[in-house]
Amino acid sequence: MPCTLVVHIAHANSNPGLPGCANKTIFLWVPLLEPLHDLLHILIMLLLTLLL
């Protein structure tokens, strides 16, 4: 589930038309995933590297 969530966040962030939606998603879910924060950060970095 965290992987799917990270993909959603990364996809939303890469879309300039949905900044509010992306921010809401991050603020709603990141606090719930604090135990996985390090893993989440690593996955985001990997995804951003792949997207860029």
C-alpha atoms as a PDB file:
ATOM      1  CA  MET A   1       0.000   0.000   0.000  1.00  0.00           C
ATOM      2  CA  PRO A   2       2.746   2.559   0.795  1.00  0.00           C
ATOM      3  CA  CYS A   3       4.241   1.967  -2.658  1.00  0.00           C
ATOM      4  CA  THR A   4       0.942   2.758  -4.346  1.00  0.00           C
ATOM      5  CA  LEU A   5       0.576   5.834  -2.162  1.00  0.00           C
ATOM      6  CA  VAL A   6       4.056   7.080  -3.029  1.00  0.00           C
ATOM      7  CA  VAL A   7       3.342   6.620  -6.726  1.00  0.00           C
ATOM      8  CA  HIS A   8       0.140   8.648  -6.314  1.00  0.00           C
ATOM      9  CA  ILE A   9       1.970  11.438  -4.477  1.00  0.00           C
ATOM     10  CA  ALA A  10       4.819  11.516  -6.999  1.00  0.00           C
ATOM     11  CA  HIS A  11       2.357  11.531  -9.897  1.00  0.00           C
ATOM     12  CA  ALA A  12       0.305  14.317  -8.328  1.00  0.00           C
ATOM     13  CA  ASN A  13       3.431  16.382  -7.652  1.00  0.00           C
ATOM     14  CA  SER A  14       4.622  15.986 -11.239  1.00  0.00           C
ATOM     15  CA  ASN A  15       1.298  17.416 -12.442  1.00  0.00           C
ATOM     16  CA  PRO A  16       1.342  21.226 -12.086  1.00  0.00           C
ATOM     17  CA  GLY A  17      -2.438  21.319 -12.481  1.00  0.00           C
ATOM     18  CA  LEU A  18      -3.073  19.633  -9.132  1.00  0.00           C
ATOM     19  CA  PRO A  19      -0.849  21.285  -6.491  1.00  0.00           C
ATOM     20  CA  GLY A  20      -3.646  21.491  -3.913  1.00  0.00           C
ATOM     21  CA  CYS A  21      -4.587  17.839  -4.319  1.00  0.00           C
ATOM     22  CA  ALA A  22      -0.964  16.754  -3.970  1.00  0.00           C
ATOM     23  CA  ASN A  23      -0.477  18.842  -0.836  1.00  0.00           C
ATOM     24  CA  LYS A  24      -3.654  17.447   0.740  1.00  0.00           C
ATOM     25  CA  THR A  25      -2.569  13.902  -0.049  1.00  0.00           C
ATOM     26  CA  ILE A  26       0.850  14.443   1.535  1.00  0.00           C
ATOM     27  CA  PHE A  27      -0.540  16.141   4.639  1.00  0.00           C
ATOM     28  CA  LEU A  28      -3.195  13.450   5.122  1.00  0.00           C
ATOM     29  CA  TRP A  29      -1.020  10.396   4.637  1.00  0.00           C
ATOM     30  CA  VAL A  30       2.568  11.200   5.635  1.00  0.00           C
ATOM     31  CA  PRO A  31       1.686  11.506   9.372  1.00  0.00           C
ATOM     32  CA  LEU A  32       0.023   8.084   9.170  1.00  0.00           C
ATOM     33  CA  LEU A  33       3.176   6.586   7.691  1.00  0.00           C
ATOM     34  CA  GLU A  34       5.675   8.012  10.182  1.00  0.00           C
ATOM     35  CA  PRO A  35       7.013   4.550  11.108  1.00  0.00           C
ATOM     36  CA  LEU A  36       7.783   4.084   7.412  1.00  0.00           C
ATOM     37  CA  HIS A  37       9.096   7.609   6.905  1.00  0.00           C
ATOM     38  CA  ASP A  38      12.628   6.531   5.989  1.00  0.00           C
ATOM     39  CA  LEU A  39      11.359   3.905   3.561  1.00  0.00           C
ATOM     40  CA  LEU A  40       8.882   6.386   2.119  1.00  0.00           C
ATOM     41  CA  HIS A  41      11.652   8.947   1.608  1.00  0.00           C
ATOM     42  CA  ILE A  42      13.832   6.398  -0.173  1.00  0.00           C
ATOM     43  CA  LEU A  43      10.968   5.336  -2.433  1.00  0.00           C
ATOM     44  CA  ILE A  44      10.148   8.948  -3.291  1.00  0.00           C
ATOM     45  CA  MET A  45      13.779   9.648  -4.162  1.00  0.00           C
ATOM     46  CA  LEU A  46      13.899   6.558  -6.383  1.00  0.00           C
ATOM     47  CA  LEU A  47      10.656   7.491  -8.116  1.00  0.00           C
ATOM     48  CA  LEU A  48      11.773  11.075  -8.695  1.00  0.00           C
ATOM     49  CA  THR A  49      15.030   9.787 -10.144  1.00  0.00           C
ATOM     50  CA  LEU A  50      13.117   7.513 -12.512  1.00  0.00           C
ATOM     51  CA  LEU A  51      10.651  10.233 -13.513  1.00  0.00           C
ATOM     52  CA  LEU A  52      13.379  12.789 -14.143  1.00  0.00           C
END
